[in-house]
Amino acid sequence: MARESAEKIRETEAEARNKIKSAQLEADKISKEAAEKAVKIVNEAKETALQQSKILMSQAEEEAQKEIQQLEAQNIEACNQIRTMAEKNKDSVISFIIRRIIE
């Protein structure tokens, strides 16, 4: 009877070791899969961030280009106004210069 009990204990211990080993293998597998999924999620997040960054940069460039065009148009308008003023004052300036020369 003692021999049977000892044998039963050894069998139970062997089963327990096998279950522990099996559980450890399963835990390692789950851990590896989780790590792979984490890497995949991080890579997808990086790719998404990169795409969003490109979109934002493109939008910023478009806005900057529009602003440049507006500034160029304002510059042209200002130059035209100055040119118009200069044309209006040309006769006065010529008369002033001639008077200074004559006097």
PDB file of N, CA and C in Angstrom:
ATOM      1  N   MET A   1       0.812  -1.181   0.000  1.00  0.00           N
ATOM      2  CA  MET A   1       0.000   0.000   0.000  1.00  0.00           C
ATOM      3  C   MET A   1       0.862   1.254   0.000  1.00  0.00           C
ATOM      4  N   ALA A   2       1.924   1.240   0.785  1.00  0.00           N
ATOM      5  CA  ALA A   2       2.835   2.374   0.820  1.00  0.00           C
ATOM      6  C   ALA A   2       3.487   2.547  -0.538  1.00  0.00           C
ATOM      7  N   ARG A   3       3.774   1.394  -1.158  1.00  0.00           N
ATOM      8  CA  ARG A   3       4.388   1.450  -2.472  1.00  0.00           C
ATOM      9  C   ARG A   3       3.414   2.063  -3.487  1.00  0.00           C
ATOM     10  N   GLU A   4       2.161   1.684  -3.419  1.00  0.00           N
ATOM     11  CA  GLU A   4       1.142   2.226  -4.316  1.00  0.00           C
ATOM     12  C   GLU A   4       0.960   3.728  -4.090  1.00  0.00           C
ATOM     13  N   SER A   5       0.997   4.115  -2.815  1.00  0.00           N
ATOM     14  CA  SER A   5       0.849   5.541  -2.487  1.00  0.00           C
ATOM     15  C   SER A   5       2.040   6.332  -3.018  1.00  0.00           C
ATOM     16  N   ALA A   6       3.236   5.778  -2.852  1.00  0.00           N
ATOM     17  CA  ALA A   6       4.437   6.453  -3.335  1.00  0.00           C
ATOM     18  C   ALA A   6       4.392   6.561  -4.861  1.00  0.00           C
ATOM     19  N   GLU A   7       3.952   5.489  -5.517  1.00  0.00           N
ATOM     20  CA  GLU A   7       3.839   5.503  -6.980  1.00  0.00           C
ATOM     21  C   GLU A   7       2.807   6.537  -7.422  1.00  0.00           C
ATOM     22  N   LYS A   8       1.698   6.603  -6.729  1.00  0.00           N
ATOM     23  CA  LYS A   8       0.643   7.572  -7.043  1.00  0.00           C
ATOM     24  C   LYS A   8       1.169   9.001  -6.877  1.00  0.00           C
ATOM     25  N   ILE A   9       1.958   9.206  -5.815  1.00  0.00           N
ATOM     26  CA  ILE A   9       2.542  10.535  -5.575  1.00  0.00           C
ATOM     27  C   ILE A   9       3.489  10.900  -6.711  1.00  0.00           C
ATOM     28  N   ARG A  10       4.336   9.942  -7.125  1.00  0.00           N
ATOM     29  CA  ARG A  10       5.265  10.197  -8.223  1.00  0.00           C
ATOM     30  C   ARG A  10       4.511  10.513  -9.524  1.00  0.00           C
ATOM     31  N   GLU A  11       3.454   9.766  -9.791  1.00  0.00           N
ATOM     32  CA  GLU A  11       2.648  10.023 -10.992  1.00  0.00           C
ATOM     33  C   GLU A  11       2.015  11.418 -10.936  1.00  0.00           C
ATOM     34  N   THR A  12       1.494  11.758  -9.771  1.00  0.00           N
ATOM     35  CA  THR A  12       0.862  13.070  -9.596  1.00  0.00           C
ATOM     36  C   THR A  12       1.895  14.179  -9.756  1.00  0.00           C
ATOM     37  N   GLU A  13       3.086  13.964  -9.191  1.00  0.00           N
ATOM     38  CA  GLU A  13       4.156  14.956  -9.338  1.00  0.00           C
ATOM     39  C   GLU A  13       4.571  15.097 -10.805  1.00  0.00           C
ATOM     40  N   ALA A  14       4.674  13.978 -11.520  1.00  0.00           N
ATOM     41  CA  ALA A  14       5.042  14.006 -12.938  1.00  0.00           C
ATOM     42  C   ALA A  14       3.964  14.745 -13.738  1.00  0.00           C
ATOM     43  N   GLU A  15       2.705  14.465 -13.427  1.00  0.00           N
ATOM     44  CA  GLU A  15       1.608  15.167 -14.103  1.00  0.00           C
ATOM     45  C   GLU A  15       1.673  16.671 -13.813  1.00  0.00           C
ATOM     46  N   ALA A  16       1.970  16.998 -12.561  1.00  0.00           N
ATOM     47  CA  ALA A  16       2.065  18.409 -12.177  1.00  0.00           C
ATOM     48  C   ALA A  16       3.213  19.084 -12.932  1.00  0.00           C
ATOM     49  N   ARG A  17       4.371  18.395 -13.027  1.00  0.00           N
ATOM     50  CA  ARG A  17       5.501  18.959 -13.770  1.00  0.00           C
ATOM     51  C   ARG A  17       5.141  19.148 -15.245  1.00  0.00           C
ATOM     52  N   ASN A  18       4.457  18.163 -15.825  1.00  0.00           N
ATOM     53  CA  ASN A  18       4.038  18.274 -17.226  1.00  0.00           C
ATOM     54  C   ASN A  18       3.063  19.437 -17.418  1.00  0.00           C
ATOM     55  N   LYS A  19       2.128  19.579 -16.484  1.00  0.00           N
ATOM     56  CA  LYS A  19       1.168  20.685 -16.571  1.00  0.00           C
ATOM     57  C   LYS A  19       1.876  22.032 -16.428  1.00  0.00           C
ATOM     58  N   ILE A  20       2.844  22.088 -15.504  1.00  0.00           N
ATOM     59  CA  ILE A  20       3.616  23.327 -15.315  1.00  0.00           C
ATOM     60  C   ILE A  20       4.405  23.641 -16.583  1.00  0.00           C
ATOM     61  N   LYS A  21       5.049  22.611 -17.147  1.00  0.00           N
ATOM     62  CA  LYS A  21       5.825  22.802 -18.367  1.00  0.00           C
ATOM     63  C   LYS A  21       4.913  23.248 -19.512  1.00  0.00           C
ATOM     64  N   SER A  22       3.772  22.603 -19.640  1.00  0.00           N
ATOM     65  CA  SER A  22       2.810  22.957 -20.677  1.00  0.00           C
ATOM     66  C   SER A  22       2.297  24.382 -20.477  1.00  0.00           C
ATOM     67  N   ALA A  23       2.003  24.729 -19.225  1.00  0.00           N
ATOM     68  CA  ALA A  23       1.527  26.083 -18.919  1.00  0.00           C
ATOM     69  C   ALA A  23       2.613  27.112 -19.225  1.00  0.00           C
ATOM     70  N   GLN A  24       3.856  26.778 -18.922  1.00  0.00           N
ATOM     71  CA  GLN A  24       4.962  27.693 -19.199  1.00  0.00           C
ATOM     72  C   GLN A  24       5.129  27.895 -20.705  1.00  0.00           C
ATOM     73  N   LEU A  25       5.029  26.792 -21.466  1.00  0.00           N
ATOM     74  CA  LEU A  25       5.120  26.897 -22.926  1.00  0.00           C
ATOM     75  C   LEU A  25       3.987  27.772 -23.474  1.00  0.00           C
ATOM     76  N   GLU A  26       2.782  27.565 -22.949  1.00  0.00           N
ATOM     77  CA  GLU A  26       1.634  28.369 -23.379  1.00  0.00           C
ATOM     78  C   GLU A  26       1.829  29.835 -22.997  1.00  0.00           C
ATOM     79  N   ALA A  27       2.344  30.080 -21.789  1.00  0.00           N
ATOM     80  CA  ALA A  27       2.606  31.453 -21.344  1.00  0.00           C
ATOM     81  C   ALA A  27       3.663  32.109 -22.236  1.00  0.00           C
ATOM     82  N   ASP A  28       4.710  31.351 -22.568  1.00  0.00           N
ATOM     83  CA  ASP A  28       5.748  31.879 -23.464  1.00  0.00           C
ATOM     84  C   ASP A  28       5.167  32.212 -24.842  1.00  0.00           C
ATOM     85  N   LYS A  29       4.297  31.328 -25.341  1.00  0.00           N
ATOM     86  CA  LYS A  29       3.666  31.552 -26.640  1.00  0.00           C
ATOM     87  C   LYS A  29       2.799  32.813 -26.593  1.00  0.00           C
ATOM     88  N   ILE A  30       1.997  32.939 -25.552  1.00  0.00           N
ATOM     89  CA  ILE A  30       1.127  34.114 -25.405  1.00  0.00           C
ATOM     90  C   ILE A  30       1.967  35.380 -25.279  1.00  0.00           C
ATOM     91  N   SER A  31       3.041  35.292 -24.507  1.00  0.00           N
ATOM     92  CA  SER A  31       3.923  36.445 -24.324  1.00  0.00           C
ATOM     93  C   SER A  31       4.556  36.862 -25.650  1.00  0.00           C
ATOM     94  N   LYS A  32       5.008  35.889 -26.421  1.00  0.00           N
ATOM     95  CA  LYS A  32       5.613  36.172 -27.723  1.00  0.00           C
ATOM     96  C   LYS A  32       4.595  36.807 -28.666  1.00  0.00           C
ATOM     97  N   GLU A  33       3.384  36.251 -28.697  1.00  0.00           N
ATOM     98  CA  GLU A  33       2.330  36.810 -29.548  1.00  0.00           C
ATOM     99  C   GLU A  33       1.991  38.240 -29.126  1.00  0.00           C
ATOM    100  N   ALA A  34       1.934  38.472 -27.818  1.00  0.00           N
ATOM    101  CA  ALA A  34       1.630  39.817 -27.317  1.00  0.00           C
ATOM    102  C   ALA A  34       2.731  40.799 -27.718  1.00  0.00           C
ATOM    103  N   ALA A  35       3.978  40.359 -27.612  1.00  0.00           N
ATOM    104  CA  ALA A  35       5.093  41.223 -27.999  1.00  0.00           C
ATOM    105  C   ALA A  35       5.034  41.532 -29.496  1.00  0.00           C
ATOM    106  N   GLU A  36       4.721  40.526 -30.308  1.00  0.00           N
ATOM    107  CA  GLU A  36       4.608  40.738 -31.755  1.00  0.00           C
ATOM    108  C   GLU A  36       3.469  41.705 -32.073  1.00  0.00           C
ATOM    109  N   LYS A  37       2.336  41.531 -31.371  1.00  0.00           N
ATOM    110  CA  LYS A  37       1.206  42.441 -31.581  1.00  0.00           C
ATOM    111  C   LYS A  37       1.572  43.858 -31.152  1.00  0.00           C
ATOM    112  N   ALA A  38       2.299  43.975 -30.055  1.00  0.00           N
ATOM    113  CA  ALA A  38       2.710  45.302 -29.575  1.00  0.00           C
ATOM    114  C   ALA A  38       3.610  45.983 -30.605  1.00  0.00           C
ATOM    115  N   VAL A  39       4.548  45.232 -31.157  1.00  0.00           N
ATOM    116  CA  VAL A  39       5.437  45.790 -32.187  1.00  0.00           C
ATOM    117  C   VAL A  39       4.618  46.214 -33.404  1.00  0.00           C
ATOM    118  N   LYS A  40       3.664  45.380 -33.787  1.00  0.00           N
ATOM    119  CA  LYS A  40       2.811  45.700 -34.939  1.00  0.00           C
ATOM    120  C   LYS A  40       2.003  46.969 -34.666  1.00  0.00           C
ATOM    121  N   ILE A  41       1.442  47.081 -33.470  1.00  0.00           N
ATOM    122  CA  ILE A  41       0.655  48.266 -33.104  1.00  0.00           C
ATOM    123  C   ILE A  41       1.532  49.511 -33.124  1.00  0.00           C
ATOM    124  N   VAL A  42       2.734  49.400 -32.571  1.00  0.00           N
ATOM    125  CA  VAL A  42       3.656  50.545 -32.554  1.00  0.00           C
ATOM    126  C   VAL A  42       4.022  50.946 -33.980  1.00  0.00           C
ATOM    127  N   ASN A  43       4.316  49.967 -34.819  1.00  0.00           N
ATOM    128  CA  ASN A  43       4.668  50.268 -36.217  1.00  0.00           C
ATOM    129  C   ASN A  43       3.500  50.917 -36.960  1.00  0.00           C
ATOM    130  N   GLU A  44       2.290  50.410 -36.709  1.00  0.00           N
ATOM    131  CA  GLU A  44       1.110  51.012 -37.336  1.00  0.00           C
ATOM    132  C   GLU A  44       0.911  52.441 -36.837  1.00  0.00           C
ATOM    133  N   ALA A  45       1.128  52.656 -35.539  1.00  0.00           N
ATOM    134  CA  ALA A  45       0.988  54.007 -34.978  1.00  0.00           C
ATOM    135  C   ALA A  45       2.026  54.948 -35.590  1.00  0.00           C
ATOM    136  N   LYS A  46       3.254  54.456 -35.757  1.00  0.00           N
ATOM    137  CA  LYS A  46       4.296  55.274 -36.384  1.00  0.00           C
ATOM    138  C   LYS A  46       3.915  55.624 -37.819  1.00  0.00           C
ATOM    139  N   GLU A  47       3.410  54.643 -38.544  1.00  0.00           N
ATOM    140  CA  GLU A  47       3.012  54.876 -39.937  1.00  0.00           C
ATOM    141  C   GLU A  47       1.864  55.881 -40.006  1.00  0.00           C
ATOM    142  N   THR A  48       0.895  55.727 -39.117  1.00  0.00           N
ATOM    143  CA  THR A  48      -0.227  56.669 -39.073  1.00  0.00           C
ATOM    144  C   THR A  48       0.274  58.069 -38.752  1.00  0.00           C
ATOM    145  N   ALA A  49       1.157  58.171 -37.779  1.00  0.00           N
ATOM    146  CA  ALA A  49       1.715  59.478 -37.404  1.00  0.00           C
ATOM    147  C   ALA A  49       2.489  60.085 -38.576  1.00  0.00           C
ATOM    148  N   LEU A  50       3.232  59.268 -39.282  1.00  0.00           N
ATOM    149  CA  LEU A  50       3.989  59.750 -40.442  1.00  0.00           C
ATOM    150  C   LEU A  50       3.045  60.273 -41.524  1.00  0.00           C
ATOM    151  N   GLN A  51       1.978  59.515 -41.794  1.00  0.00           N
ATOM    152  CA  GLN A  51       1.004  59.947 -42.799  1.00  0.00           C
ATOM    153  C   GLN A  51       0.323  61.248 -42.384  1.00  0.00           C
ATOM    154  N   GLN A  52      -0.058  61.334 -41.108  1.00  0.00           N
ATOM    155  CA  GLN A  52      -0.692  62.559 -40.615  1.00  0.00           C
ATOM    156  C   GLN A  52       0.282  63.729 -40.688  1.00  0.00           C
ATOM    157  N   SER A  53       1.528  63.462 -40.382  1.00  0.00           N
ATOM    158  CA  SER A  53       2.554  64.503 -40.462  1.00  0.00           C
ATOM    159  C   SER A  53       2.690  65.011 -41.896  1.00  0.00           C
ATOM    160  N   LYS A  54       2.681  64.098 -42.854  1.00  0.00           N
ATOM    161  CA  LYS A  54       2.779  64.486 -44.264  1.00  0.00           C
ATOM    162  C   LYS A  54       1.570  65.327 -44.675  1.00  0.00           C
ATOM    163  N   ILE A  55       0.393  64.922 -44.216  1.00  0.00           N
ATOM    164  CA  ILE A  55      -0.827  65.670 -44.546  1.00  0.00           C
ATOM    165  C   ILE A  55      -0.753  67.069 -43.953  1.00  0.00           C
ATOM    166  N   LEU A  56      -0.362  67.152 -42.680  1.00  0.00           N
ATOM    167  CA  LEU A  56      -0.264  68.458 -42.025  1.00  0.00           C
ATOM    168  C   LEU A  56       0.781  69.339 -42.703  1.00  0.00           C
ATOM    169  N   MET A  57       1.895  68.749 -43.083  1.00  0.00           N
ATOM    170  CA  MET A  57       2.952  69.511 -43.752  1.00  0.00           C
ATOM    171  C   MET A  57       2.450  70.018 -45.102  1.00  0.00           C
ATOM    172  N   SER A  58       1.744  69.172 -45.819  1.00  0.00           N
ATOM    173  CA  SER A  58       1.189  69.569 -47.112  1.00  0.00           C
ATOM    174  C   SER A  58       0.188  70.712 -46.942  1.00  0.00           C
ATOM    175  N   GLN A  59      -0.658  70.603 -45.931  1.00  0.00           N
ATOM    176  CA  GLN A  59      -1.632  71.670 -45.668  1.00  0.00           C
ATOM    177  C   GLN A  59      -0.922  72.971 -45.300  1.00  0.00           C
ATOM    178  N   ALA A  60       0.107  72.869 -44.479  1.00  0.00           N
ATOM    179  CA  ALA A  60       0.862  74.063 -44.078  1.00  0.00           C
ATOM    180  C   ALA A  60       1.531  74.703 -45.293  1.00  0.00           C
ATOM    181  N   GLU A  61       2.069  73.878 -46.185  1.00  0.00           N
ATOM    182  CA  GLU A  61       2.703  74.404 -47.396  1.00  0.00           C
ATOM    183  C   GLU A  61       1.679  75.101 -48.294  1.00  0.00           C
ATOM    184  N   GLU A  62       0.489  74.508 -48.400  1.00  0.00           N
ATOM    185  CA  GLU A  62      -0.568  75.133 -49.206  1.00  0.00           C
ATOM    186  C   GLU A  62      -0.971  76.482 -48.618  1.00  0.00           C
ATOM    187  N   GLU A  63      -1.141  76.520 -47.297  1.00  0.00           N
ATOM    188  CA  GLU A  63      -1.503  77.775 -46.635  1.00  0.00           C
ATOM    189  C   GLU A  63      -0.402  78.821 -46.811  1.00  0.00           C
ATOM    190  N   ALA A  64       0.839  78.393 -46.687  1.00  0.00           N
ATOM    191  CA  ALA A  64       1.962  79.318 -46.867  1.00  0.00           C
ATOM    192  C   ALA A  64       1.982  79.852 -48.299  1.00  0.00           C
ATOM    193  N   GLN A  65       1.719  78.981 -49.266  1.00  0.00           N
ATOM    194  CA  GLN A  65       1.705  79.405 -50.667  1.00  0.00           C
ATOM    195  C   GLN A  65       0.595  80.423 -50.907  1.00  0.00           C
ATOM    196  N   LYS A  66      -0.574  80.196 -50.316  1.00  0.00           N
ATOM    197  CA  LYS A  66      -1.679  81.161 -50.450  1.00  0.00           C
ATOM    198  C   LYS A  66      -1.300  82.503 -49.837  1.00  0.00           C
ATOM    199  N   GLU A  67      -0.662  82.442 -48.672  1.00  0.00           N
ATOM    200  CA  GLU A  67      -0.239  83.676 -48.008  1.00  0.00           C
ATOM    201  C   GLU A  67       0.803  84.420 -48.845  1.00  0.00           C
ATOM    202  N   ILE A  68       1.719  83.677 -49.442  1.00  0.00           N
ATOM    203  CA  ILE A  68       2.730  84.290 -50.315  1.00  0.00           C
ATOM    204  C   ILE A  68       2.050  84.977 -51.494  1.00  0.00           C
ATOM    205  N   GLN A  69       1.073  84.307 -52.081  1.00  0.00           N
ATOM    206  CA  GLN A  69       0.357  84.899 -53.217  1.00  0.00           C
ATOM    207  C   GLN A  69      -0.373  86.176 -52.796  1.00  0.00           C
ATOM    208  N   GLN A  70      -0.975  86.149 -51.604  1.00  0.00           N
ATOM    209  CA  GLN A  70      -1.661  87.348 -51.110  1.00  0.00           C
ATOM    210  C   GLN A  70      -0.670  88.491 -50.900  1.00  0.00           C
ATOM    211  N   LEU A  71       0.475  88.176 -50.305  1.00  0.00           N
ATOM    212  CA  LEU A  71       1.492  89.207 -50.076  1.00  0.00           C
ATOM    213  C   LEU A  71       2.029  89.760 -51.396  1.00  0.00           C
ATOM    214  N   GLU A  72       2.226  88.879 -52.368  1.00  0.00           N
ATOM    215  CA  GLU A  72       2.691  89.338 -53.679  1.00  0.00           C
ATOM    216  C   GLU A  72       1.658  90.270 -54.312  1.00  0.00           C
ATOM    217  N   ALA A  73       0.389  89.911 -54.199  1.00  0.00           N
ATOM    218  CA  ALA A  73      -0.676  90.760 -54.754  1.00  0.00           C
ATOM    219  C   ALA A  73      -0.709  92.111 -54.039  1.00  0.00           C
ATOM    220  N   GLN A  74      -0.532  92.091 -52.716  1.00  0.00           N
ATOM    221  CA  GLN A  74      -0.506  93.344 -51.953  1.00  0.00           C
ATOM    222  C   GLN A  74       0.696  94.197 -52.365  1.00  0.00           C
ATOM    223  N   ASN A  75       1.833  93.557 -52.578  1.00  0.00           N
ATOM    224  CA  ASN A  75       3.037  94.278 -53.025  1.00  0.00           C
ATOM    225  C   ASN A  75       2.813  94.920 -54.386  1.00  0.00           C
ATOM    226  N   ILE A  76       2.224  94.167 -55.291  1.00  0.00           N
ATOM    227  CA  ILE A  76       1.952  94.708 -56.627  1.00  0.00           C
ATOM    228  C   ILE A  76       1.017  95.907 -56.518  1.00  0.00           C
ATOM    229  N   GLU A  77      -0.016  95.784 -55.694  1.00  0.00           N
ATOM    230  CA  GLU A  77      -0.960  96.888 -55.501  1.00  0.00           C
ATOM    231  C   GLU A  77      -0.257  98.105 -54.908  1.00  0.00           C
ATOM    232  N   ALA A  78       0.589  97.881 -53.907  1.00  0.00           N
ATOM    233  CA  ALA A  78       1.319  98.997 -53.286  1.00  0.00           C
ATOM    234  C   ALA A  78       2.246  99.661 -54.302  1.00  0.00           C
ATOM    235  N   CYS A  79       2.933  98.867 -55.106  1.00  0.00           N
ATOM    236  CA  CYS A  79       3.823  99.421 -56.142  1.00  0.00           C
ATOM    237  C   CYS A  79       3.022 100.230 -57.159  1.00  0.00           C
ATOM    238  N   ASN A  80       1.868  99.717 -57.534  1.00  0.00           N
ATOM    239  CA  ASN A  80       1.019 100.443 -58.486  1.00  0.00           C
ATOM    240  C   ASN A  80       0.555 101.773 -57.899  1.00  0.00           C
ATOM    241  N   GLN A  81       0.215 101.772 -56.623  1.00  0.00           N
ATOM    242  CA  GLN A  81      -0.206 103.018 -55.972  1.00  0.00           C
ATOM    243  C   GLN A  81       0.943 104.026 -55.936  1.00  0.00           C
ATOM    244  N   ILE A  82       2.130 103.539 -55.607  1.00  0.00           N
ATOM    245  CA  ILE A  82       3.306 104.424 -55.579  1.00  0.00           C
ATOM    246  C   ILE A  82       3.580 104.969 -56.977  1.00  0.00           C
ATOM    247  N   ARG A  83       3.499 104.107 -57.976  1.00  0.00           N
ATOM    248  CA  ARG A  83       3.729 104.525 -59.364  1.00  0.00           C
ATOM    249  C   ARG A  83       2.694 105.585 -59.774  1.00  0.00           C
ATOM    250  N   THR A  84       1.442 105.366 -59.410  1.00  0.00           N
ATOM    251  CA  THR A  84       0.388 106.332 -59.733  1.00  0.00           C
ATOM    252  C   THR A  84       0.655 107.667 -59.059  1.00  0.00           C
ATOM    253  N   MET A  85       1.042 107.618 -57.786  1.00  0.00           N
ATOM    254  CA  MET A  85       1.362 108.858 -57.066  1.00  0.00           C
ATOM    255  C   MET A  85       2.545 109.562 -57.713  1.00  0.00           C
ATOM    256  N   ALA A  86       3.537 108.799 -58.108  1.00  0.00           N
ATOM    257  CA  ALA A  86       4.721 109.388 -58.746  1.00  0.00           C
ATOM    258  C   ALA A  86       4.335 110.038 -60.071  1.00  0.00           C
ATOM    259  N   GLU A  87       3.476 109.373 -60.834  1.00  0.00           N
ATOM    260  CA  GLU A  87       3.026 109.942 -62.112  1.00  0.00           C
ATOM    261  C   GLU A  87       2.269 111.249 -61.880  1.00  0.00           C
ATOM    262  N   LYS A  88       1.428 111.265 -60.847  1.00  0.00           N
ATOM    263  CA  LYS A  88       0.664 112.479 -60.538  1.00  0.00           C
ATOM    264  C   LYS A  88       1.581 113.626 -60.139  1.00  0.00           C
ATOM    265  N   ASN A  89       2.645 113.320 -59.425  1.00  0.00           N
ATOM    266  CA  ASN A  89       3.559 114.352 -58.923  1.00  0.00           C
ATOM    267  C   ASN A  89       4.676 114.698 -59.907  1.00  0.00           C
ATOM    268  N   LYS A  90       4.756 113.977 -61.011  1.00  0.00           N
ATOM    269  CA  LYS A  90       5.850 114.182 -61.959  1.00  0.00           C
ATOM    270  C   LYS A  90       5.873 115.627 -62.486  1.00  0.00           C
ATOM    271  N   ASP A  91       4.746 116.142 -62.892  1.00  0.00           N
ATOM    272  CA  ASP A  91       4.709 117.510 -63.423  1.00  0.00           C
ATOM    273  C   ASP A  91       5.144 118.516 -62.361  1.00  0.00           C
ATOM    274  N   SER A  92       4.688 118.311 -61.129  1.00  0.00           N
ATOM    275  CA  SER A  92       5.072 119.231 -60.048  1.00  0.00           C
ATOM    276  C   SER A  92       6.570 119.175 -59.798  1.00  0.00           C
ATOM    277  N   VAL A  93       7.123 117.992 -59.821  1.00  0.00           N
ATOM    278  CA  VAL A  93       8.559 117.822 -59.573  1.00  0.00           C
ATOM    279  C   VAL A  93       9.360 118.458 -60.708  1.00  0.00           C
ATOM    280  N   ILE A  94       8.931 118.246 -61.940  1.00  0.00           N
ATOM    281  CA  ILE A  94       9.636 118.836 -63.089  1.00  0.00           C
ATOM    282  C   ILE A  94       9.597 120.359 -62.990  1.00  0.00           C
ATOM    283  N   SER A  95       8.437 120.891 -62.671  1.00  0.00           N
ATOM    284  CA  SER A  95       8.314 122.350 -62.527  1.00  0.00           C
ATOM    285  C   SER A  95       9.215 122.852 -61.411  1.00  0.00           C
ATOM    286  N   PHE A  96       9.258 122.131 -60.312  1.00  0.00           N
ATOM    287  CA  PHE A  96      10.099 122.531 -59.179  1.00  0.00           C
ATOM    288  C   PHE A  96      11.565 122.546 -59.588  1.00  0.00           C
ATOM    289  N   ILE A  97      11.988 121.495 -60.277  1.00  0.00           N
ATOM    290  CA  ILE A  97      13.388 121.399 -60.703  1.00  0.00           C
ATOM    291  C   ILE A  97      13.722 122.524 -61.683  1.00  0.00           C
ATOM    292  N   ILE A  98      12.851 122.777 -62.632  1.00  0.00           N
ATOM    293  CA  ILE A  98      13.107 123.850 -63.610  1.00  0.00           C
ATOM    294  C   ILE A  98      13.198 125.198 -62.898  1.00  0.00           C
ATOM    295  N   ARG A  99      12.311 125.465 -61.968  1.00  0.00           N
ATOM    296  CA  ARG A  99      12.374 126.730 -61.222  1.00  0.00           C
ATOM    297  C   ARG A  99      13.676 126.846 -60.456  1.00  0.00           C
ATOM    298  N   ARG A 100      14.122 125.769 -59.869  1.00  0.00           N
ATOM    299  CA  ARG A 100      15.376 125.800 -59.096  1.00  0.00           C
ATOM    300  C   ARG A 100      16.559 126.074 -60.017  1.00  0.00           C
ATOM    301  N   ILE A 101      16.493 125.492 -61.205  1.00  0.00           N
ATOM    302  CA  ILE A 101      17.583 125.703 -62.159  1.00  0.00           C
ATOM    303  C   ILE A 101      17.573 127.153 -62.637  1.00  0.00           C
ATOM    304  N   ILE A 102      16.413 127.670 -62.932  1.00  0.00           N
ATOM    305  CA  ILE A 102      16.297 129.035 -63.451  1.00  0.00           C
ATOM    306  C   ILE A 102      16.662 130.049 -62.381  1.00  0.00           C
ATOM    307  N   GLU A 103      16.284 129.855 -61.213  1.00  0.00           N
ATOM    308  CA  GLU A 103      16.531 130.835 -60.143  1.00  0.00           C
ATOM    309  C   GLU A 103      17.942 130.868 -59.750  1.00  0.00           C
TER     310      GLU A 103
END
